[in-house]
PDB file of N, CA and C in Angstrom:
ATOM      1  N   UNK A   1      -2.351  15.217   0.233  1.00  0.00           N
ATOM      2  CA  UNK A   1      -2.249  13.903  -0.362  1.00  0.00           C
ATOM      3  C   UNK A   1      -2.018  13.982  -1.865  1.00  0.00           C
ATOM      4  N   UNK A   2      -1.328  15.025  -2.279  1.00  0.00           N
ATOM      5  CA  UNK A   2      -1.023  15.166  -3.702  1.00  0.00           C
ATOM      6  C   UNK A   2      -0.144  14.029  -4.201  1.00  0.00           C
ATOM      7  N   UNK A   3       0.619  13.433  -3.305  1.00  0.00           N
ATOM      8  CA  UNK A   3       1.500  12.321  -3.683  1.00  0.00           C
ATOM      9  C   UNK A   3       0.715  11.154  -4.261  1.00  0.00           C
ATOM     10  N   UNK A   4      -0.539  11.026  -3.881  1.00  0.00           N
ATOM     11  CA  UNK A   4      -1.346   9.904  -4.387  1.00  0.00           C
ATOM     12  C   UNK A   4      -1.524   9.966  -5.898  1.00  0.00           C
ATOM     13  N   UNK A   5      -1.578  11.163  -6.436  1.00  0.00           N
ATOM     14  CA  UNK A   5      -1.753  11.322  -7.874  1.00  0.00           C
ATOM     15  C   UNK A   5      -0.544  10.906  -8.691  1.00  0.00           C
ATOM     16  N   UNK A   6       0.619  10.853  -8.061  1.00  0.00           N
ATOM     17  CA  UNK A   6       1.850  10.478  -8.766  1.00  0.00           C
ATOM     18  C   UNK A   6       2.350   9.100  -8.342  1.00  0.00           C
ATOM     19  N   UNK A   7       1.550   8.367  -7.631  1.00  0.00           N
ATOM     20  CA  UNK A   7       1.949   7.058  -7.109  1.00  0.00           C
ATOM     21  C   UNK A   7       2.410   6.115  -8.215  1.00  0.00           C
ATOM     22  N   UNK A   8       1.709   6.108  -9.331  1.00  0.00           N
ATOM     23  CA  UNK A   8       2.045   5.169 -10.407  1.00  0.00           C
ATOM     24  C   UNK A   8       3.356   5.519 -11.112  1.00  0.00           C
ATOM     25  N   UNK A   9       3.904   6.688 -10.865  1.00  0.00           N
ATOM     26  CA  UNK A   9       5.202   7.047 -11.454  1.00  0.00           C
ATOM     27  C   UNK A   9       6.360   6.410 -10.696  1.00  0.00           C
ATOM     28  N   UNK A  10       6.165   6.148  -9.406  1.00  0.00           N
ATOM     29  CA  UNK A  10       7.263   5.621  -8.589  1.00  0.00           C
ATOM     30  C   UNK A  10       7.072   4.164  -8.194  1.00  0.00           C
ATOM     31  N   UNK A  11       5.833   3.679  -8.239  1.00  0.00           N
ATOM     32  CA  UNK A  11       5.523   2.314  -7.806  1.00  0.00           C
ATOM     33  C   UNK A  11       4.858   1.577  -8.967  1.00  0.00           C
ATOM     34  N   UNK A  12       5.237   0.336  -9.177  1.00  0.00           N
ATOM     35  CA  UNK A  12       4.664  -0.467 -10.262  1.00  0.00           C
ATOM     36  C   UNK A  12       3.471  -1.305  -9.804  1.00  0.00           C
ATOM     37  N   UNK A  13       3.393  -1.593  -8.495  1.00  0.00           N
ATOM     38  CA  UNK A  13       2.294  -2.407  -7.966  1.00  0.00           C
ATOM     39  C   UNK A  13       2.215  -2.199  -6.458  1.00  0.00           C
ATOM     40  N   UNK A  14       1.000  -2.172  -5.939  1.00  0.00           N
ATOM     41  CA  UNK A  14       0.745  -2.115  -4.498  1.00  0.00           C
ATOM     42  C   UNK A  14      -0.032  -3.366  -4.129  1.00  0.00           C
ATOM     43  N   UNK A  15       0.382  -4.016  -3.035  1.00  0.00           N
ATOM     44  CA  UNK A  15      -0.358  -5.170  -2.508  1.00  0.00           C
ATOM     45  C   UNK A  15      -0.609  -4.952  -1.021  1.00  0.00           C
ATOM     46  N   UNK A  16      -1.839  -5.190  -0.618  1.00  0.00           N
ATOM     47  CA  UNK A  16      -2.197  -5.144   0.798  1.00  0.00           C
ATOM     48  C   UNK A  16      -2.668  -6.536   1.183  1.00  0.00           C
ATOM     49  N   UNK A  17      -2.037  -7.104   2.195  1.00  0.00           N
ATOM     50  CA  UNK A  17      -2.408  -8.425   2.702  1.00  0.00           C
ATOM     51  C   UNK A  17      -2.988  -8.249   4.096  1.00  0.00           C
ATOM     52  N   UNK A  18      -4.106  -8.934   4.364  1.00  0.00           N
ATOM     53  CA  UNK A  18      -4.677  -8.891   5.711  1.00  0.00           C
ATOM     54  C   UNK A  18      -5.605 -10.067   5.929  1.00  0.00           C
ATOM     55  N   UNK A  19      -5.913 -10.308   7.197  1.00  0.00           N
ATOM     56  CA  UNK A  19      -6.854 -11.350   7.602  1.00  0.00           C
ATOM     57  C   UNK A  19      -8.263 -10.752   7.584  1.00  0.00           C
ATOM     58  N   UNK A  20      -9.236 -11.535   7.159  1.00  0.00           N
ATOM     59  CA  UNK A  20     -10.620 -11.056   7.066  1.00  0.00           C
ATOM     60  C   UNK A  20     -11.247 -10.778   8.428  1.00  0.00           C
ATOM     61  N   UNK A  21     -10.766 -11.438   9.491  1.00  0.00           N
ATOM     62  CA  UNK A  21     -11.444 -11.326  10.782  1.00  0.00           C
ATOM     63  C   UNK A  21     -10.542 -10.933  11.942  1.00  0.00           C
ATOM     64  N   UNK A  22      -9.256 -10.929  11.769  1.00  0.00           N
ATOM     65  CA  UNK A  22      -8.320 -10.649  12.853  1.00  0.00           C
ATOM     66  C   UNK A  22      -8.382  -9.189  13.303  1.00  0.00           C
ATOM     67  N   UNK A  23      -8.400  -8.943  14.622  1.00  0.00           N
ATOM     68  CA  UNK A  23      -8.342  -7.558  15.115  1.00  0.00           C
ATOM     69  C   UNK A  23      -7.062  -6.838  14.671  1.00  0.00           C
ATOM     70  N   UNK A  24      -5.973  -7.571  14.509  1.00  0.00           N
ATOM     71  CA  UNK A  24      -4.708  -6.965  14.075  1.00  0.00           C
ATOM     72  C   UNK A  24      -4.813  -6.390  12.666  1.00  0.00           C
ATOM     73  N   UNK A  25      -5.741  -6.903  11.866  1.00  0.00           N
ATOM     74  CA  UNK A  25      -5.910  -6.449  10.484  1.00  0.00           C
ATOM     75  C   UNK A  25      -7.031  -5.427  10.324  1.00  0.00           C
ATOM     76  N   UNK A  26      -7.688  -5.039  11.409  1.00  0.00           N
ATOM     77  CA  UNK A  26      -8.846  -4.147  11.322  1.00  0.00           C
ATOM     78  C   UNK A  26      -8.509  -2.824  10.635  1.00  0.00           C
ATOM     79  N   UNK A  27      -7.407  -2.199  11.011  1.00  0.00           N
ATOM     80  CA  UNK A  27      -7.047  -0.909  10.413  1.00  0.00           C
ATOM     81  C   UNK A  27      -6.711  -1.067   8.931  1.00  0.00           C
ATOM     82  N   UNK A  28      -6.070  -2.164   8.569  1.00  0.00           N
ATOM     83  CA  UNK A  28      -5.747  -2.409   7.156  1.00  0.00           C
ATOM     84  C   UNK A  28      -7.027  -2.585   6.339  1.00  0.00           C
ATOM     85  N   UNK A  29      -7.998  -3.312   6.891  1.00  0.00           N
ATOM     86  CA  UNK A  29      -9.273  -3.496   6.188  1.00  0.00           C
ATOM     87  C   UNK A  29      -9.973  -2.152   5.991  1.00  0.00           C
ATOM     88  N   UNK A  30      -9.994  -1.335   7.026  1.00  0.00           N
ATOM     89  CA  UNK A  30     -10.635  -0.023   6.939  1.00  0.00           C
ATOM     90  C   UNK A  30      -9.895   0.890   5.967  1.00  0.00           C
ATOM     91  N   UNK A  31      -8.572   0.823   5.984  1.00  0.00           N
ATOM     92  CA  UNK A  31      -7.782   1.631   5.052  1.00  0.00           C
ATOM     93  C   UNK A  31      -8.167   1.306   3.611  1.00  0.00           C
ATOM     94  N   UNK A  32      -8.240   0.030   3.297  1.00  0.00           N
ATOM     95  CA  UNK A  32      -8.605  -0.377   1.937  1.00  0.00           C
ATOM     96  C   UNK A  32     -10.023   0.086   1.618  1.00  0.00           C
ATOM     97  N   UNK A  33     -10.932  -0.119   2.551  1.00  0.00           N
ATOM     98  CA  UNK A  33     -12.332   0.251   2.325  1.00  0.00           C
ATOM     99  C   UNK A  33     -12.469   1.748   2.031  1.00  0.00           C
ATOM    100  N   UNK A  34     -11.734   2.573   2.754  1.00  0.00           N
ATOM    101  CA  UNK A  34     -11.873   4.022   2.623  1.00  0.00           C
ATOM    102  C   UNK A  34     -10.995   4.640   1.536  1.00  0.00           C
ATOM    103  N   UNK A  35      -9.892   4.005   1.176  1.00  0.00           N
ATOM    104  CA  UNK A  35      -8.920   4.647   0.296  1.00  0.00           C
ATOM    105  C   UNK A  35      -8.727   3.996  -1.064  1.00  0.00           C
ATOM    106  N   UNK A  36      -9.177   2.780  -1.241  1.00  0.00           N
ATOM    107  CA  UNK A  36      -8.970   2.071  -2.509  1.00  0.00           C
ATOM    108  C   UNK A  36      -9.513   2.878  -3.694  1.00  0.00           C
ATOM    109  N   UNK A  37     -10.737   3.336  -3.580  1.00  0.00           N
ATOM    110  CA  UNK A  37     -11.374   4.064  -4.684  1.00  0.00           C
ATOM    111  C   UNK A  37     -10.611   5.314  -5.082  1.00  0.00           C
ATOM    112  N   UNK A  38     -10.155   6.077  -4.107  1.00  0.00           N
ATOM    113  CA  UNK A  38      -9.413   7.306  -4.387  1.00  0.00           C
ATOM    114  C   UNK A  38      -8.077   7.000  -5.066  1.00  0.00           C
ATOM    115  N   UNK A  39      -7.361   6.022  -4.535  1.00  0.00           N
ATOM    116  CA  UNK A  39      -6.054   5.676  -5.106  1.00  0.00           C
ATOM    117  C   UNK A  39      -6.217   5.162  -6.535  1.00  0.00           C
ATOM    118  N   UNK A  40      -7.208   4.298  -6.774  1.00  0.00           N
ATOM    119  CA  UNK A  40      -7.427   3.761  -8.123  1.00  0.00           C
ATOM    120  C   UNK A  40      -7.906   4.839  -9.094  1.00  0.00           C
ATOM    121  N   UNK A  41      -8.735   5.763  -8.634  1.00  0.00           N
ATOM    122  CA  UNK A  41      -9.208   6.809  -9.545  1.00  0.00           C
ATOM    123  C   UNK A  41      -8.069   7.745  -9.951  1.00  0.00           C
ATOM    124  N   UNK A  42      -7.105   7.951  -9.075  1.00  0.00           N
ATOM    125  CA  UNK A  42      -5.951   8.801  -9.394  1.00  0.00           C
ATOM    126  C   UNK A  42      -4.872   8.051 -10.181  1.00  0.00           C
ATOM    127  N   UNK A  43      -4.869   6.719 -10.065  1.00  0.00           N
ATOM    128  CA  UNK A  43      -3.861   5.880 -10.723  1.00  0.00           C
ATOM    129  C   UNK A  43      -4.541   4.675 -11.369  1.00  0.00           C
ATOM    130  N   UNK A  44      -5.348   4.895 -12.404  1.00  0.00           N
ATOM    131  CA  UNK A  44      -6.147   3.792 -12.955  1.00  0.00           C
ATOM    132  C   UNK A  44      -5.331   2.630 -13.521  1.00  0.00           C
ATOM    133  N   UNK A  45      -4.104   2.881 -13.943  1.00  0.00           N
ATOM    134  CA  UNK A  45      -3.303   1.792 -14.514  1.00  0.00           C
ATOM    135  C   UNK A  45      -2.425   1.087 -13.476  1.00  0.00           C
ATOM    136  N   UNK A  46      -2.419   1.565 -12.247  1.00  0.00           N
ATOM    137  CA  UNK A  46      -1.595   0.969 -11.190  1.00  0.00           C
ATOM    138  C   UNK A  46      -2.294  -0.255 -10.610  1.00  0.00           C
ATOM    139  N   UNK A  47      -1.652  -1.421 -10.665  1.00  0.00           N
ATOM    140  CA  UNK A  47      -2.237  -2.587  -9.995  1.00  0.00           C
ATOM    141  C   UNK A  47      -2.257  -2.364  -8.479  1.00  0.00           C
ATOM    142  N   UNK A  48      -3.439  -2.395  -7.891  1.00  0.00           N
ATOM    143  CA  UNK A  48      -3.607  -2.259  -6.442  1.00  0.00           C
ATOM    144  C   UNK A  48      -4.314  -3.534  -5.997  1.00  0.00           C
ATOM    145  N   UNK A  49      -3.541  -4.469  -5.500  1.00  0.00           N
ATOM    146  CA  UNK A  49      -4.055  -5.795  -5.181  1.00  0.00           C
ATOM    147  C   UNK A  49      -4.382  -5.915  -3.706  1.00  0.00           C
ATOM    148  N   UNK A  50      -5.526  -6.495  -3.406  1.00  0.00           N
ATOM    149  CA  UNK A  50      -5.961  -6.743  -2.034  1.00  0.00           C
ATOM    150  C   UNK A  50      -6.034  -8.245  -1.856  1.00  0.00           C
ATOM    151  N   UNK A  51      -5.268  -8.748  -0.906  1.00  0.00           N
ATOM    152  CA  UNK A  51      -5.202 -10.189  -0.661  1.00  0.00           C
ATOM    153  C   UNK A  51      -5.651 -10.487   0.762  1.00  0.00           C
ATOM    154  N   UNK A  52      -6.713 -11.266   0.882  1.00  0.00           N
ATOM    155  CA  UNK A  52      -7.212 -11.700   2.183  1.00  0.00           C
ATOM    156  C   UNK A  52      -6.782 -13.138   2.415  1.00  0.00           C
ATOM    157  N   UNK A  53      -6.258 -13.397   3.594  1.00  0.00           N
ATOM    158  CA  UNK A  53      -5.811 -14.744   3.932  1.00  0.00           C
ATOM    159  C   UNK A  53      -5.978 -14.936   5.435  1.00  0.00           C
ATOM    160  N   UNK A  54      -6.642 -15.977   5.819  1.00  0.00           N
ATOM    161  CA  UNK A  54      -6.902 -16.240   7.229  1.00  0.00           C
ATOM    162  C   UNK A  54      -5.600 -16.360   8.019  1.00  0.00           C
ATOM    163  N   UNK A  55      -5.501 -15.571   9.081  1.00  0.00           N
ATOM    164  CA  UNK A  55      -4.369 -15.646   9.993  1.00  0.00           C
ATOM    165  C   UNK A  55      -3.130 -14.881   9.582  1.00  0.00           C
ATOM    166  N   UNK A  56      -3.118 -14.254   8.415  1.00  0.00           N
ATOM    167  CA  UNK A  56      -1.925 -13.531   7.963  1.00  0.00           C
ATOM    168  C   UNK A  56      -1.791 -12.200   8.716  1.00  0.00           C
ATOM    169  N   UNK A  57      -0.557 -11.796   8.968  1.00  0.00           N
ATOM    170  CA  UNK A  57      -0.299 -10.485   9.562  1.00  0.00           C
ATOM    171  C   UNK A  57      -0.498  -9.423   8.478  1.00  0.00           C
ATOM    172  N   UNK A  58      -1.082  -8.274   8.829  1.00  0.00           N
ATOM    173  CA  UNK A  58      -1.312  -7.246   7.816  1.00  0.00           C
ATOM    174  C   UNK A  58       0.013  -6.687   7.288  1.00  0.00           C
ATOM    175  N   UNK A  59       0.104  -6.587   5.974  1.00  0.00           N
ATOM    176  CA  UNK A  59       1.332  -6.127   5.322  1.00  0.00           C
ATOM    177  C   UNK A  59       0.993  -5.244   4.131  1.00  0.00           C
ATOM    178  N   UNK A  60       1.890  -4.330   3.845  1.00  0.00           N
ATOM    179  CA  UNK A  60       1.792  -3.475   2.668  1.00  0.00           C
ATOM    180  C   UNK A  60       3.054  -3.689   1.842  1.00  0.00           C
ATOM    181  N   UNK A  61       2.877  -4.075   0.591  1.00  0.00           N
ATOM    182  CA  UNK A  61       3.993  -4.346  -0.313  1.00  0.00           C
ATOM    183  C   UNK A  61       3.975  -3.334  -1.451  1.00  0.00           C
ATOM    184  N   UNK A  62       5.157  -2.883  -1.836  1.00  0.00           N
ATOM    185  CA  UNK A  62       5.311  -2.039  -3.019  1.00  0.00           C
ATOM    186  C   UNK A  62       6.333  -2.702  -3.927  1.00  0.00           C
ATOM    187  N   UNK A  63       5.984  -2.807  -5.210  1.00  0.00           N
ATOM    188  CA  UNK A  63       6.928  -3.338  -6.194  1.00  0.00           C
ATOM    189  C   UNK A  63       7.361  -2.184  -7.080  1.00  0.00           C
ATOM    190  N   UNK A  64       8.674  -2.083  -7.260  1.00  0.00           N
ATOM    191  CA  UNK A  64       9.267  -1.016  -8.052  1.00  0.00           C
ATOM    192  C   UNK A  64       9.814  -1.580  -9.362  1.00  0.00           C
ATOM    193  N   UNK A  65      10.524  -0.747 -10.090  1.00  0.00           N
ATOM    194  CA  UNK A  65      11.144  -1.193 -11.337  1.00  0.00           C
ATOM    195  C   UNK A  65      12.122  -2.327 -11.080  1.00  0.00           C
ATOM    196  N   UNK A  66      12.297  -3.156 -12.078  1.00  0.00           N
ATOM    197  CA  UNK A  66      13.232  -4.277 -12.054  1.00  0.00           C
ATOM    198  C   UNK A  66      12.914  -5.288 -10.953  1.00  0.00           C
ATOM    199  N   UNK A  67      11.638  -5.361 -10.546  1.00  0.00           N
ATOM    200  CA  UNK A  67      11.196  -6.377  -9.601  1.00  0.00           C
ATOM    201  C   UNK A  67      11.568  -6.154  -8.156  1.00  0.00           C
ATOM    202  N   UNK A  68      12.127  -5.007  -7.824  1.00  0.00           N
ATOM    203  CA  UNK A  68      12.491  -4.707  -6.439  1.00  0.00           C
ATOM    204  C   UNK A  68      11.212  -4.513  -5.631  1.00  0.00           C
ATOM    205  N   UNK A  69      11.144  -5.146  -4.460  1.00  0.00           N
ATOM    206  CA  UNK A  69       9.962  -5.039  -3.601  1.00  0.00           C
ATOM    207  C   UNK A  69      10.367  -4.622  -2.193  1.00  0.00           C
ATOM    208  N   UNK A  70       9.467  -3.894  -1.555  1.00  0.00           N
ATOM    209  CA  UNK A  70       9.633  -3.536  -0.147  1.00  0.00           C
ATOM    210  C   UNK A  70       8.331  -3.844   0.570  1.00  0.00           C
ATOM    211  N   UNK A  71       8.462  -4.276   1.818  1.00  0.00           N
ATOM    212  CA  UNK A  71       7.306  -4.660   2.624  1.00  0.00           C
ATOM    213  C   UNK A  71       7.314  -3.886   3.934  1.00  0.00           C
ATOM    214  N   UNK A  72       6.114  -3.521   4.389  1.00  0.00           N
ATOM    215  CA  UNK A  72       5.940  -2.867   5.679  1.00  0.00           C
ATOM    216  C   UNK A  72       4.897  -3.659   6.454  1.00  0.00           C
ATOM    217  N   UNK A  73       5.212  -3.997   7.693  1.00  0.00           N
ATOM    218  CA  UNK A  73       4.262  -4.674   8.573  1.00  0.00           C
ATOM    219  C   UNK A  73       3.274  -3.632   9.092  1.00  0.00           C
ATOM    220  N   UNK A  74       1.978  -3.915   9.002  1.00  0.00           N
ATOM    221  CA  UNK A  74       0.944  -2.960   9.407  1.00  0.00           C
ATOM    222  C   UNK A  74       0.323  -3.286  10.757  1.00  0.00           C
ATOM    223  N   UNK A  75       0.792  -4.316  11.403  1.00  0.00           N
ATOM    224  CA  UNK A  75       0.231  -4.753  12.685  1.00  0.00           C
ATOM    225  C   UNK A  75       0.334  -3.628  13.718  1.00  0.00           C
ATOM    226  N   UNK A  76      -0.801  -3.236  14.280  1.00  0.00           N
ATOM    227  CA  UNK A  76      -0.836  -2.216  15.320  1.00  0.00           C
ATOM    228  C   UNK A  76      -0.870  -0.790  14.815  1.00  0.00           C
ATOM    229  N   UNK A  77      -0.862  -0.582  13.503  1.00  0.00           N
ATOM    230  CA  UNK A  77      -0.893   0.769  12.956  1.00  0.00           C
ATOM    231  C   UNK A  77      -2.328   1.244  12.762  1.00  0.00           C
ATOM    232  N   UNK A  78      -2.516   2.552  12.808  1.00  0.00           N
ATOM    233  CA  UNK A  78      -3.817   3.154  12.527  1.00  0.00           C
ATOM    234  C   UNK A  78      -3.942   3.382  11.018  1.00  0.00           C
ATOM    235  N   UNK A  79      -5.137   3.766  10.580  1.00  0.00           N
ATOM    236  CA  UNK A  79      -5.337   4.062   9.158  1.00  0.00           C
ATOM    237  C   UNK A  79      -4.418   5.194   8.702  1.00  0.00           C
ATOM    238  N   UNK A  80      -4.283   6.224   9.531  1.00  0.00           N
ATOM    239  CA  UNK A  80      -3.415   7.355   9.187  1.00  0.00           C
ATOM    240  C   UNK A  80      -1.958   6.919   9.080  1.00  0.00           C
ATOM    241  N   UNK A  81      -1.538   6.043   9.961  1.00  0.00           N
ATOM    242  CA  UNK A  81      -0.166   5.544   9.912  1.00  0.00           C
ATOM    243  C   UNK A  81       0.060   4.676   8.673  1.00  0.00           C
ATOM    244  N   UNK A  82      -0.946   3.909   8.289  1.00  0.00           N
ATOM    245  CA  UNK A  82      -0.842   3.093   7.075  1.00  0.00           C
ATOM    246  C   UNK A  82      -0.709   4.004   5.855  1.00  0.00           C
ATOM    247  N   UNK A  83      -1.490   5.078   5.821  1.00  0.00           N
ATOM    248  CA  UNK A  83      -1.401   6.038   4.727  1.00  0.00           C
ATOM    249  C   UNK A  83       0.005   6.632   4.662  1.00  0.00           C
ATOM    250  N   UNK A  84       0.568   6.951   5.810  1.00  0.00           N
ATOM    251  CA  UNK A  84       1.924   7.503   5.876  1.00  0.00           C
ATOM    252  C   UNK A  84       2.950   6.484   5.376  1.00  0.00           C
ATOM    253  N   UNK A  85       2.767   5.217   5.722  1.00  0.00           N
ATOM    254  CA  UNK A  85       3.680   4.165   5.248  1.00  0.00           C
ATOM    255  C   UNK A  85       3.619   4.037   3.725  1.00  0.00           C
ATOM    256  N   UNK A  86       2.416   4.140   3.161  1.00  0.00           N
ATOM    257  CA  UNK A  86       2.279   4.081   1.708  1.00  0.00           C
ATOM    258  C   UNK A  86       2.990   5.270   1.065  1.00  0.00           C
ATOM    259  N   UNK A  87       2.848   6.432   1.660  1.00  0.00           N
ATOM    260  CA  UNK A  87       3.546   7.616   1.149  1.00  0.00           C
ATOM    261  C   UNK A  87       5.063   7.416   1.202  1.00  0.00           C
ATOM    262  N   UNK A  88       5.558   6.841   2.298  1.00  0.00           N
ATOM    263  CA  UNK A  88       6.995   6.577   2.427  1.00  0.00           C
ATOM    264  C   UNK A  88       7.478   5.592   1.362  1.00  0.00           C
ATOM    265  N   UNK A  89       6.676   4.564   1.095  1.00  0.00           N
ATOM    266  CA  UNK A  89       7.042   3.607   0.050  1.00  0.00           C
ATOM    267  C   UNK A  89       7.080   4.282  -1.322  1.00  0.00           C
ATOM    268  N   UNK A  90       6.136   5.189  -1.566  1.00  0.00           N
ATOM    269  CA  UNK A  90       6.115   5.920  -2.837  1.00  0.00           C
ATOM    270  C   UNK A  90       7.354   6.797  -2.968  1.00  0.00           C
ATOM    271  N   UNK A  91       7.720   7.477  -1.893  1.00  0.00           N
ATOM    272  CA  UNK A  91       8.908   8.338  -1.929  1.00  0.00           C
ATOM    273  C   UNK A  91      10.182   7.518  -2.093  1.00  0.00           C
ATOM    274  N   UNK A  92      10.205   6.324  -1.519  1.00  0.00           N
ATOM    275  CA  UNK A  92      11.363   5.441  -1.688  1.00  0.00           C
ATOM    276  C   UNK A  92      11.523   5.069  -3.159  1.00  0.00           C
ATOM    277  N   UNK A  93      10.414   4.872  -3.844  1.00  0.00           N
ATOM    278  CA  UNK A  93      10.463   4.569  -5.269  1.00  0.00           C
ATOM    279  C   UNK A  93      10.956   5.746  -6.089  1.00  0.00           C
ATOM    280  N   UNK A  94      10.553   6.952  -5.696  1.00  0.00           N
ATOM    281  CA  UNK A  94      11.017   8.153  -6.393  1.00  0.00           C
ATOM    282  C   UNK A  94      12.519   8.328  -6.229  1.00  0.00           C
ATOM    283  N   UNK A  95      13.011   8.133  -5.013  1.00  0.00           N
ATOM    284  CA  UNK A  95      14.445   8.320  -4.773  1.00  0.00           C
ATOM    285  C   UNK A  95      15.266   7.235  -5.465  1.00  0.00           C
ATOM    286  N   UNK A  96      14.717   6.042  -5.597  1.00  0.00           N
ATOM    287  CA  UNK A  96      15.427   4.968  -6.299  1.00  0.00           C
ATOM    288  C   UNK A  96      15.537   5.281  -7.789  1.00  0.00           C
ATOM    289  N   UNK A  97      14.500   5.928  -8.347  1.00  0.00           N
ATOM    290  CA  UNK A  97      14.533   6.289  -9.766  1.00  0.00           C
ATOM    291  C   UNK A  97      15.540   7.409 -10.024  1.00  0.00           C
ATOM    292  N   UNK A  98      15.739   8.271  -9.020  1.00  0.00           N
ATOM    293  CA  UNK A  98      16.634   9.413  -9.183  1.00  0.00           C
ATOM    294  C   UNK A  98      18.101   8.992  -9.223  1.00  0.00           C
ATOM    295  N   UNK A  99      18.399   7.803  -8.735  1.00  0.00           N
ATOM    296  CA  UNK A  99      19.801   7.349  -8.684  1.00  0.00           C
ATOM    297  C   UNK A  99      20.302   6.903 -10.024  1.00  0.00           C
TER     298      UNK A  99
END
């Protein structure tokens, strides 16, 4: 998980949206509970926003330079799969900067 330490170089903001009580959002809630502290300690200046909204489908958003955003639906994913999606979003930001 060395990529977590360089997250703020490729991503300008991370947002996680989920429902407080929905079973579909359970893995997203657990992911935030278990990983928020580690991600913030490695990237203290990176905005990592957690948004709870009743009935919303779990989503992971990444904002890159020049306001470009990408979204991933987290419905049905495990915590490990959510972590992998975040890594993919980070790598997408790195490749966009290389162009």
